[in-house]
Amino acid sequence: MILSALMMASCVRDPEVVLKNTMRGNVEALWQIIDEKYCFVEEKGLDWNGVLPIYQAKADSIEKERAESTEKRGSDYYQRALFDLMAQMLDTLQDGHVNLYSSFDVSRCSSWYEDYPSNFNSGLLTQYIGTDYKTAAGLTYNLLKGHEDIGYIRYSSFSDSFGTLNMYYVIKYFEKCRGMIIDVRNNGGGSLENAYKLASTFMKETTLVGYWQHKTGKGHQDFSPLEPLYVDSTDMTVKWLRPVIVLCNRRSYSATNMFVNAMRYAPNATIVGGRTGGGGGMPLSYELPNGWMVRFSSVRMTDRDKVSTENGVMPDEEVTLEGKDKDDLIERAIKLMAPSLQK
């Protein structure tokens, strides 16, 4: 029931945001919505109050230019200028879940991963899984070339659903394997339901993996009480209880971030790679006076020690992809699967 509530994305107009549809009015509406509804203002140490006058002045400057300019610039020019300005203001949040939507563009923040190693090169995968790999719903899988006692699954998006029957055939194909690799590098997220269903494959018992809470008031610390998040072992009746290694990187984001967090509590799992991208907040959308939409995190999620997952999850073994001829993360996973090192 809780998970279903978390999955319900909605888009609303805040009746208390009644500012005018002007350059300044839209900037102020955007600032107010984030100030009252965004769940990470305090956690990120933002001086959000200091942001407002800077962008009010910039909005006024665009409005003044439009009033005084002798150049023949249409309204589209100034709408794009306003869009870029508001996108810059949102970039202050450094949050991949924050977007501004218009009919001509969608803003996005990418700096949360740009300063980290990529740790993924899709061109290297064929030397490990060949070209005769299999697909089952969103799961790409095969035995590792040269290490056929290790199964490999690539899951590139949690937006792609899979079912028990899909997983049954994958695990059946791996029945002689002593270990499995789950590769969720560059998986930008999708359905939290799919993420927890996959995690359920590796858990014999229903497992507490974290907590969630949502904004309840205008104050930066106005939240509902923490409520537990569980991976239900019955969500996936087909089980893999042998060693499993999860490969992740900074672009493992949102639902993938929560999958990696959940796998920290799977009994035979090891996380290898880089810090995940975070995105430990479920998004919500609000309408601005001019009809544009802003999407942002309104539900905060933690691990089971009640530590926020917004800044990412650290791996058990931090490994960086250094060269162009081999995948260092897969190579490390192979070594960890050595019989003498198995748990």
Protein backbone atom coordinates (compact mmCIF):
# COMPACT_ATOMS: atom_id res chain seq x y z
CA MET A 1 0.00 0.00 0.00
CA ILE A 2 2.82 2.39 0.90
CA LEU A 3 4.70 1.51 -2.27
CA SER A 4 1.59 2.15 -4.35
CA ALA A 5 1.23 5.57 -2.76
CA LEU A 6 4.83 6.37 -3.54
CA MET A 7 4.37 5.43 -7.19
CA MET A 8 1.46 7.80 -7.73
CA ALA A 9 2.98 10.79 -9.50
CA SER A 10 0.65 13.76 -9.74
CA CYS A 11 0.57 17.21 -11.24
CA VAL A 12 -1.25 19.99 -9.44
CA ARG A 13 -1.71 23.73 -9.33
CA ASP A 14 -1.04 25.14 -5.87
CA PRO A 15 -4.04 27.34 -4.93
CA GLU A 16 -1.78 29.41 -2.69
CA VAL A 17 0.56 30.31 -5.54
CA VAL A 18 -1.41 33.09 -7.24
CA LEU A 19 1.38 35.30 -8.55
CA LYS A 20 0.95 37.12 -11.85
CA ASN A 21 1.90 35.65 -15.21
CA THR A 22 4.83 38.01 -15.70
CA MET A 23 8.58 37.47 -15.88
CA ARG A 24 8.98 38.24 -12.19
CA GLY A 25 5.71 36.57 -11.22
CA ASN A 26 6.74 33.21 -12.71
CA VAL A 27 10.18 33.38 -11.11
CA GLU A 28 8.59 34.12 -7.73
CA ALA A 29 6.03 31.33 -8.17
CA LEU A 30 8.80 28.85 -8.98
CA TRP A 31 10.83 29.99 -5.98
CA GLN A 32 7.81 29.71 -3.66
CA ILE A 33 6.87 26.21 -4.83
CA ILE A 34 10.41 24.95 -4.27
CA ASP A 35 10.67 26.75 -0.94
CA GLU A 36 7.49 25.16 0.42
CA LYS A 37 7.30 21.78 -1.36
CA TYR A 38 10.85 20.63 -2.17
CA CYS A 39 12.13 18.19 0.44
CA PHE A 40 15.91 18.75 0.36
CA VAL A 41 16.38 22.49 0.98
CA GLU A 42 17.78 21.98 4.48
CA GLU A 43 19.60 18.73 3.70
CA LYS A 44 21.56 20.34 0.88
CA GLY A 45 22.40 23.42 2.94
CA LEU A 46 20.89 25.75 0.38
CA ASP A 47 20.60 29.49 0.95
CA TRP A 48 17.30 29.47 -0.90
CA ASN A 49 16.31 32.85 0.53
CA GLY A 50 19.43 34.32 -1.04
CA VAL A 51 18.51 32.92 -4.44
CA LEU A 52 15.25 34.87 -4.80
CA PRO A 53 16.54 38.46 -5.10
CA ILE A 54 19.20 37.41 -7.62
CA TYR A 55 16.64 35.96 -9.99
CA GLN A 56 14.04 38.63 -9.36
CA ALA A 57 16.60 41.15 -10.58
CA LYS A 58 17.43 39.03 -13.62
CA ALA A 59 13.76 38.64 -14.49
CA ASP A 60 13.28 42.40 -14.19
CA SER A 61 16.26 42.87 -16.51
CA ILE A 62 14.68 40.65 -19.19
CA GLU A 63 11.38 42.51 -18.81
CA LYS A 64 13.15 45.87 -19.12
CA GLU A 65 15.02 44.74 -22.21
CA ARG A 66 11.76 43.66 -23.81
CA ALA A 67 10.17 47.04 -23.04
CA GLU A 68 13.10 49.13 -24.23
CA SER A 69 14.53 47.09 -27.09
CA THR A 70 14.28 48.49 -30.61
CA GLU A 71 15.17 45.12 -32.13
CA LYS A 72 12.38 43.12 -33.70
CA ARG A 73 12.40 40.17 -31.34
CA GLY A 74 9.25 38.10 -31.00
CA SER A 75 7.74 36.82 -27.79
CA ASP A 76 9.44 33.45 -28.36
CA TYR A 77 12.83 35.04 -27.74
CA TYR A 78 11.80 36.36 -24.34
CA GLN A 79 9.99 33.16 -23.39
CA ARG A 80 13.16 31.22 -24.05
CA ALA A 81 15.16 33.77 -22.07
CA LEU A 82 12.77 33.33 -19.14
CA PHE A 83 12.96 29.55 -19.45
CA ASP A 84 16.76 29.59 -19.40
CA LEU A 85 16.74 31.89 -16.39
CA MET A 86 14.37 29.69 -14.41
CA ALA A 87 16.35 26.58 -15.40
CA GLN A 88 19.49 28.24 -14.02
CA MET A 89 17.69 28.90 -10.76
CA LEU A 90 16.66 25.25 -10.51
CA ASP A 91 20.24 24.12 -11.22
CA THR A 92 21.07 25.59 -7.81
CA LEU A 93 19.39 22.50 -6.36
CA GLN A 94 21.81 20.09 -8.09
CA ASP A 95 19.06 17.50 -8.35
CA GLY A 96 18.45 15.18 -11.29
CA HIS A 97 14.79 14.90 -10.30
CA VAL A 98 14.23 18.63 -10.89
CA ASN A 99 12.97 19.65 -14.33
CA LEU A 100 11.16 22.59 -15.88
CA TYR A 101 8.77 21.66 -18.68
CA SER A 102 7.59 23.98 -21.44
CA SER A 103 6.16 23.32 -24.90
CA PHE A 104 9.59 23.98 -26.42
CA ASP A 105 12.13 22.58 -23.95
CA VAL A 106 12.78 20.56 -20.79
CA SER A 107 15.50 21.63 -18.38
CA ARG A 108 17.78 19.10 -16.76
CA CYS A 109 20.65 19.15 -14.31
CA SER A 110 23.59 16.85 -15.13
CA SER A 111 26.33 18.20 -12.86
CA TRP A 112 25.46 15.59 -10.20
CA TYR A 113 27.27 12.95 -12.31
CA GLU A 114 29.59 14.89 -14.65
CA ASP A 115 32.44 15.17 -12.14
CA TYR A 116 32.51 11.41 -11.47
CA PRO A 117 34.13 8.56 -13.43
CA SER A 118 31.73 7.10 -15.98
CA ASN A 119 32.65 3.52 -14.97
CA PHE A 120 30.75 2.15 -17.96
CA ASN A 121 31.62 1.47 -21.59
CA SER A 122 28.88 -0.38 -23.44
CA GLY A 123 31.35 -1.24 -26.22
CA LEU A 124 33.17 -3.60 -23.87
CA LEU A 125 30.15 -5.76 -23.07
CA THR A 126 30.28 -8.00 -26.14
CA GLN A 127 33.62 -9.45 -25.10
CA TYR A 128 31.94 -10.63 -21.88
CA ILE A 129 28.49 -11.69 -23.13
CA GLY A 130 29.07 -12.04 -26.87
CA THR A 131 26.40 -11.33 -29.46
CA ASP A 132 24.32 -14.41 -28.69
CA TYR A 133 22.93 -12.94 -25.48
CA LYS A 134 19.30 -13.47 -24.51
CA THR A 135 16.56 -11.01 -23.62
CA ALA A 136 13.60 -11.49 -21.30
CA ALA A 137 11.43 -8.39 -20.96
CA GLY A 138 13.90 -5.72 -19.78
CA LEU A 139 16.61 -8.23 -18.83
CA THR A 140 19.57 -8.88 -21.12
CA TYR A 141 21.45 -11.98 -19.96
CA ASN A 142 24.04 -14.61 -20.79
CA LEU A 143 26.84 -16.69 -19.32
CA LEU A 144 30.12 -14.80 -19.12
CA LYS A 145 32.48 -15.76 -21.92
CA GLY A 146 35.38 -17.73 -20.45
CA HIS A 147 33.61 -17.87 -17.10
CA GLU A 148 30.49 -19.84 -17.92
CA ASP A 149 29.90 -20.57 -14.24
CA ILE A 150 28.94 -16.92 -13.76
CA GLY A 151 25.66 -15.49 -15.04
CA TYR A 152 25.34 -11.87 -16.16
CA ILE A 153 22.20 -9.71 -16.30
CA ARG A 154 22.14 -6.20 -17.73
CA TYR A 155 19.10 -4.16 -16.69
CA SER A 156 19.31 -0.73 -18.32
CA SER A 157 16.00 0.78 -17.18
CA PHE A 158 13.56 0.06 -14.38
CA SER A 159 10.88 1.43 -16.68
CA ASP A 160 11.03 -1.95 -18.45
CA SER A 161 8.84 -4.39 -16.56
CA PHE A 162 9.51 -8.08 -16.12
CA GLY A 163 7.62 -10.90 -14.46
CA THR A 164 8.17 -14.08 -12.50
CA LEU A 165 8.16 -16.17 -15.66
CA ASN A 166 10.90 -14.01 -17.19
CA MET A 167 13.06 -14.42 -14.10
CA TYR A 168 12.33 -18.14 -13.97
CA TYR A 169 13.84 -18.64 -17.43
CA VAL A 170 16.86 -16.47 -16.59
CA ILE A 171 17.62 -18.38 -13.40
CA LYS A 172 16.97 -21.70 -15.15
CA TYR A 173 19.58 -20.70 -17.72
CA PHE A 174 21.98 -19.97 -14.84
CA GLU A 175 21.21 -23.16 -12.93
CA LYS A 176 24.82 -24.42 -13.09
CA CYS A 177 26.31 -21.06 -12.19
CA ARG A 178 27.88 -20.40 -8.80
CA GLY A 179 27.37 -16.66 -9.00
CA MET A 180 25.54 -13.88 -10.80
CA ILE A 181 26.32 -10.30 -11.82
CA ILE A 182 23.54 -7.70 -11.98
CA ASP A 183 24.69 -4.69 -14.01
CA VAL A 184 22.64 -1.52 -13.39
CA ARG A 185 25.25 1.00 -14.50
CA ASN A 186 23.75 3.96 -16.37
CA ASN A 187 20.27 2.82 -15.32
CA GLY A 188 18.54 6.14 -14.73
CA GLY A 189 15.63 4.63 -12.82
CA GLY A 190 11.98 4.09 -13.58
CA SER A 191 9.55 2.07 -11.50
CA LEU A 192 10.37 1.57 -7.83
CA GLU A 193 8.03 -1.42 -7.96
CA ASN A 194 10.29 -3.08 -10.56
CA ALA A 195 13.36 -2.22 -8.50
CA TYR A 196 12.01 -3.86 -5.36
CA LYS A 197 10.69 -6.82 -7.34
CA LEU A 198 14.18 -7.47 -8.68
CA ALA A 199 15.65 -7.10 -5.19
CA SER A 200 13.06 -9.61 -3.94
CA THR A 201 14.68 -12.23 -6.15
CA PHE A 202 17.67 -12.24 -3.81
CA MET A 203 15.85 -12.17 -0.47
CA LYS A 204 14.43 -15.21 1.27
CA GLU A 205 12.68 -13.11 3.91
CA THR A 206 10.73 -9.85 3.70
CA THR A 207 13.38 -7.24 4.50
CA LEU A 208 13.35 -3.71 5.88
CA VAL A 209 15.42 -1.60 3.46
CA GLY A 210 14.63 1.97 4.46
CA TYR A 211 12.07 4.62 5.35
CA TRP A 212 10.15 7.36 3.59
CA GLN A 213 8.41 10.59 4.56
CA HIS A 214 6.70 13.38 2.65
CA LYS A 215 6.38 17.14 3.01
CA THR A 216 3.42 18.16 5.14
CA GLY A 217 3.85 21.92 5.47
CA LYS A 218 5.60 25.00 4.18
CA GLY A 219 8.57 24.78 6.53
CA HIS A 220 11.74 23.16 5.29
CA GLN A 221 11.53 20.57 8.07
CA ASP A 222 7.78 19.92 7.91
CA PHE A 223 7.63 16.18 7.22
CA SER A 224 5.37 13.27 8.04
CA PRO A 225 6.75 10.64 10.43
CA LEU A 226 9.13 8.10 8.91
CA GLU A 227 7.35 5.04 7.56
CA PRO A 228 9.15 1.75 6.80
CA LEU A 229 9.92 0.48 3.33
CA TYR A 230 10.14 -3.28 2.84
CA VAL A 231 11.16 -5.55 0.02
CA ASP A 232 8.46 -8.22 0.10
CA SER A 233 9.98 -11.64 -0.49
CA THR A 234 6.70 -12.84 -2.03
CA ASP A 235 6.94 -10.27 -4.86
CA MET A 236 9.26 -12.67 -6.66
CA THR A 237 8.69 -16.34 -5.93
CA VAL A 238 11.67 -17.38 -8.07
CA LYS A 239 14.80 -16.99 -5.95
CA TRP A 240 18.56 -16.73 -6.40
CA LEU A 241 20.25 -17.20 -3.02
CA ARG A 242 23.79 -17.80 -4.27
CA PRO A 243 26.38 -14.98 -4.46
CA VAL A 244 25.35 -11.95 -6.50
CA ILE A 245 27.38 -8.86 -7.35
CA VAL A 246 25.71 -5.58 -8.27
CA LEU A 247 27.63 -3.24 -10.60
CA CYS A 248 26.70 0.44 -10.25
CA ASN A 249 28.03 3.88 -11.09
CA ARG A 250 27.12 7.53 -10.57
CA ARG A 251 24.45 7.33 -13.26
CA SER A 252 22.62 4.60 -11.34
CA TYR A 253 19.88 6.98 -10.29
CA SER A 254 16.44 7.25 -8.69
CA ALA A 255 14.76 3.81 -8.57
CA THR A 256 18.16 2.28 -9.35
CA ASN A 257 19.61 4.10 -6.37
CA MET A 258 16.91 2.50 -4.22
CA PHE A 259 17.56 -0.93 -5.76
CA VAL A 260 21.26 -0.70 -4.88
CA ASN A 261 20.35 0.44 -1.38
CA ALA A 262 17.98 -2.54 -0.99
CA MET A 263 20.63 -4.96 -2.22
CA ARG A 264 22.89 -3.87 0.64
CA TYR A 265 20.59 -5.98 2.83
CA ALA A 266 20.44 -9.05 0.58
CA PRO A 267 22.35 -11.83 2.37
CA ASN A 268 24.68 -12.84 -0.49
CA ALA A 269 25.11 -9.54 -2.31
CA THR A 270 28.19 -7.36 -2.84
CA ILE A 271 28.02 -3.88 -4.38
CA VAL A 272 30.92 -3.03 -6.75
CA GLY A 273 31.70 0.15 -8.68
CA GLY A 274 31.14 3.78 -7.83
CA ARG A 275 28.83 5.81 -5.64
CA THR A 276 25.33 5.82 -7.09
CA GLY A 277 23.76 9.03 -8.28
CA GLY A 278 21.22 9.43 -5.52
CA GLY A 279 17.80 10.69 -6.36
CA GLY A 280 16.46 9.50 -3.03
CA GLY A 281 13.27 11.50 -3.38
CA MET A 282 10.07 10.71 -5.25
CA PRO A 283 9.08 13.48 -7.70
CA LEU A 284 5.92 15.58 -7.89
CA SER A 285 4.91 18.20 -10.48
CA TYR A 286 3.33 21.64 -10.05
CA GLU A 287 1.96 24.13 -12.57
CA LEU A 288 3.32 27.68 -12.86
CA PRO A 289 1.22 30.76 -13.72
CA ASN A 290 2.27 30.61 -17.39
CA GLY A 291 1.31 26.94 -17.70
CA TRP A 292 4.82 25.51 -17.53
CA MET A 293 5.39 22.62 -15.14
CA VAL A 294 8.10 22.13 -12.53
CA ARG A 295 8.99 18.62 -11.32
CA PHE A 296 10.91 18.11 -8.08
CA SER A 297 11.45 15.76 -5.15
CA SER A 298 8.72 15.90 -2.53
CA VAL A 299 9.20 12.55 -0.75
CA ARG A 300 12.42 11.86 1.13
CA MET A 301 13.78 8.32 1.36
CA THR A 302 16.45 6.85 3.63
CA ASP A 303 18.27 3.59 4.19
CA ARG A 304 17.27 1.43 7.14
CA ASP A 305 19.68 3.34 9.40
CA LYS A 306 17.59 6.42 8.56
CA VAL A 307 20.41 7.99 6.56
CA SER A 308 19.22 9.87 3.48
CA THR A 309 20.01 8.25 0.13
CA GLU A 310 19.77 11.54 -1.78
CA ASN A 311 23.55 11.78 -2.21
CA GLY A 312 23.96 8.21 -3.37
CA VAL A 313 24.92 4.82 -1.98
CA MET A 314 28.57 3.83 -1.56
CA PRO A 315 29.63 0.41 -2.92
CA ASP A 316 31.19 -2.29 -0.79
CA GLU A 317 34.15 -2.21 -3.18
CA GLU A 318 34.93 1.00 -5.04
CA VAL A 319 36.31 0.19 -8.50
CA THR A 320 36.99 2.60 -11.37
CA LEU A 321 37.01 1.69 -15.04
CA GLU A 322 40.53 2.70 -16.03
CA GLY A 323 41.22 1.35 -19.51
CA LYS A 324 39.57 0.82 -22.88
CA ASP A 325 40.35 -2.87 -23.37
CA LYS A 326 38.60 -4.43 -20.40
CA ASP A 327 35.82 -3.67 -17.95
CA ASP A 328 37.52 -3.31 -14.58
CA LEU A 329 34.23 -3.66 -12.70
CA ILE A 330 33.31 -6.94 -14.37
CA GLU A 331 36.88 -8.17 -13.91
CA ARG A 332 36.69 -7.40 -10.20
CA ALA A 333 33.34 -9.16 -9.95
CA ILE A 334 34.87 -12.26 -11.57
CA LYS A 335 37.66 -12.28 -9.00
CA LEU A 336 35.18 -11.88 -6.16
CA MET A 337 33.32 -14.89 -7.50
CA ALA A 338 36.41 -17.09 -7.08
CA PRO A 339 35.37 -20.18 -5.09
CA SER A 340 37.82 -19.43 -2.25
CA LEU A 341 36.29 -15.98 -1.75
CA GLN A 342 32.60 -16.89 -1.87
CA LYS A 343 30.61 -16.20 1.26
